[in-house]
Amino acid sequence: MKENLEHARLHNTEPILGDFDDPKLPPGILDAIFIIDTYHEIADYKAMLSHLRKSLRKGGRLLVLEKLKEYAKNDTRELQTRAHTLSSKYAMEELLAAGFKIILEITDFGKWN
């Protein structure tokens, strides 16, 4: 990743190697965090959301983008995560419990891979 950043002449980016339950991000300075098609993989989502929240500056935002596989739509959270998918219902409940405020939910991104 460092080589790619150098090649692209991006000098305002610092790669950070996190753990499965702690992204090891610096506290209170991030404007935005994107979790794209990965949230369902986070087993200890309570710990992870706590760390992420602490990393955001005041007014910072977290975007969670998950593809919900149609066949798993009505499954439990456990079955959905085994299918590598997660409904916004579960994600939003967890975000609210972690102290986040939901400002927007987009339910149809069309078909994507």
Protein backbone atom coordinates (compact mmCIF):
# COMPACT_ATOMS: atom_id res chain seq x y z
CA MET A 1 0.00 0.00 0.00
CA LYS A 2 2.85 2.40 0.79
CA GLU A 3 4.28 1.84 -2.70
CA ASN A 4 0.89 2.53 -4.28
CA LEU A 5 0.55 5.75 -2.28
CA GLU A 6 4.01 6.89 -3.36
CA HIS A 7 3.28 6.01 -6.98
CA ALA A 8 0.04 8.02 -6.80
CA ARG A 9 1.91 10.87 -5.06
CA LEU A 10 -0.50 10.80 -2.13
CA HIS A 11 1.33 12.16 0.88
CA ASN A 12 -1.61 12.88 3.16
CA THR A 13 -2.37 9.21 3.76
CA GLU A 14 -0.92 6.87 6.36
CA PRO A 15 -1.60 3.12 6.22
CA ILE A 16 -2.50 1.64 9.62
CA LEU A 17 -2.58 -2.10 10.30
CA GLY A 18 -5.41 -2.76 12.71
CA ASP A 19 -6.60 -5.87 14.51
CA PHE A 20 -9.82 -7.79 13.98
CA ASP A 21 -11.48 -5.97 16.91
CA ASP A 22 -9.50 -2.70 16.94
CA PRO A 23 -8.67 -0.67 13.84
CA LYS A 24 -5.96 1.18 15.82
CA LEU A 25 -7.03 4.52 14.37
CA PRO A 26 -5.93 7.75 16.06
CA PRO A 27 -8.53 9.27 18.40
CA GLY A 28 -10.73 12.20 17.48
CA ILE A 29 -9.28 13.26 14.15
CA LEU A 30 -11.07 11.42 11.35
CA ASP A 31 -13.69 13.21 9.27
CA ALA A 32 -15.12 10.01 7.83
CA ILE A 33 -14.82 6.25 8.05
CA PHE A 34 -16.09 3.96 5.29
CA ILE A 35 -16.87 0.28 5.91
CA ILE A 36 -17.69 -1.21 2.54
CA ASP A 37 -19.04 -4.77 2.25
CA THR A 38 -17.07 -5.74 5.37
CA TYR A 39 -19.20 -4.91 8.41
CA HIS A 40 -20.73 -8.40 8.36
CA GLU A 41 -17.22 -9.84 8.91
CA ILE A 42 -16.67 -7.98 12.19
CA ALA A 43 -17.38 -10.52 14.94
CA ASP A 44 -16.89 -8.14 17.87
CA TYR A 45 -18.82 -5.29 16.33
CA LYS A 46 -19.47 -3.68 19.73
CA ALA A 47 -15.74 -3.22 20.39
CA MET A 48 -15.09 -2.14 16.80
CA LEU A 49 -17.87 0.47 16.81
CA SER A 50 -16.59 1.83 20.10
CA HIS A 51 -13.10 2.28 18.63
CA LEU A 52 -14.48 3.82 15.44
CA ARG A 53 -16.62 6.28 17.35
CA LYS A 54 -13.61 7.42 19.38
CA SER A 55 -11.62 7.95 16.17
CA LEU A 56 -14.12 10.33 14.61
CA ARG A 57 -13.83 14.05 15.22
CA LYS A 58 -16.93 15.94 16.37
CA GLY A 59 -19.28 15.90 13.39
CA GLY A 60 -17.39 13.01 11.76
CA ARG A 61 -19.36 10.39 9.90
CA LEU A 62 -19.39 6.64 9.54
CA LEU A 63 -20.72 5.08 6.35
CA VAL A 64 -21.58 1.40 6.34
CA LEU A 65 -22.30 -0.06 2.92
CA GLU A 66 -23.45 -3.69 2.92
CA LYS A 67 -24.90 -5.76 0.15
CA LEU A 68 -27.91 -7.72 1.40
CA LYS A 69 -28.27 -10.98 -0.46
CA GLU A 70 -31.92 -11.49 -1.29
CA TYR A 71 -32.02 -15.13 -0.17
CA ALA A 72 -30.79 -14.17 3.33
CA LYS A 73 -33.09 -11.18 3.73
CA ASN A 74 -35.21 -12.61 6.57
CA ASP A 75 -32.48 -14.66 8.27
CA THR A 76 -31.05 -14.09 11.72
CA ARG A 77 -27.91 -11.99 12.07
CA GLU A 78 -25.85 -15.14 12.56
CA LEU A 79 -27.13 -16.76 9.37
CA GLN A 80 -26.67 -13.55 7.41
CA THR A 81 -23.06 -13.16 8.51
CA ARG A 82 -22.35 -16.77 7.55
CA ALA A 83 -23.69 -15.86 4.11
CA HIS A 84 -21.35 -12.80 4.05
CA THR A 85 -24.18 -10.29 4.09
CA LEU A 86 -26.06 -8.16 6.61
CA SER A 87 -29.33 -6.29 6.56
CA SER A 88 -29.48 -2.63 7.47
CA LYS A 89 -31.91 -3.59 10.25
CA TYR A 90 -29.13 -5.28 12.22
CA ALA A 91 -26.47 -2.71 11.36
CA MET A 92 -28.68 0.23 12.37
CA GLU A 93 -29.66 -1.38 15.68
CA GLU A 94 -25.98 -1.92 16.47
CA LEU A 95 -24.96 1.59 15.42
CA LEU A 96 -27.67 3.16 17.56
CA ALA A 97 -26.69 1.00 20.55
CA ALA A 98 -23.07 2.18 20.07
CA GLY A 99 -24.13 5.83 20.29
CA PHE A 100 -24.22 6.71 16.61
CA LYS A 101 -27.03 8.77 15.10
CA ILE A 102 -28.51 7.53 11.82
CA ILE A 103 -28.82 10.49 9.47
CA LEU A 104 -29.55 8.64 6.24
CA GLU A 105 -30.45 5.17 5.07
CA ILE A 106 -30.40 4.35 1.39
CA THR A 107 -32.18 1.08 0.76
CA ASP A 108 -31.68 0.63 -2.98
CA PHE A 109 -28.27 0.91 -4.61
CA GLY A 110 -29.42 -1.19 -7.54
CA LYS A 111 -27.65 -4.38 -8.51
CA TRP A 112 -23.91 -4.43 -7.82
CA ASN A 113 -21.13 -6.88 -7.25
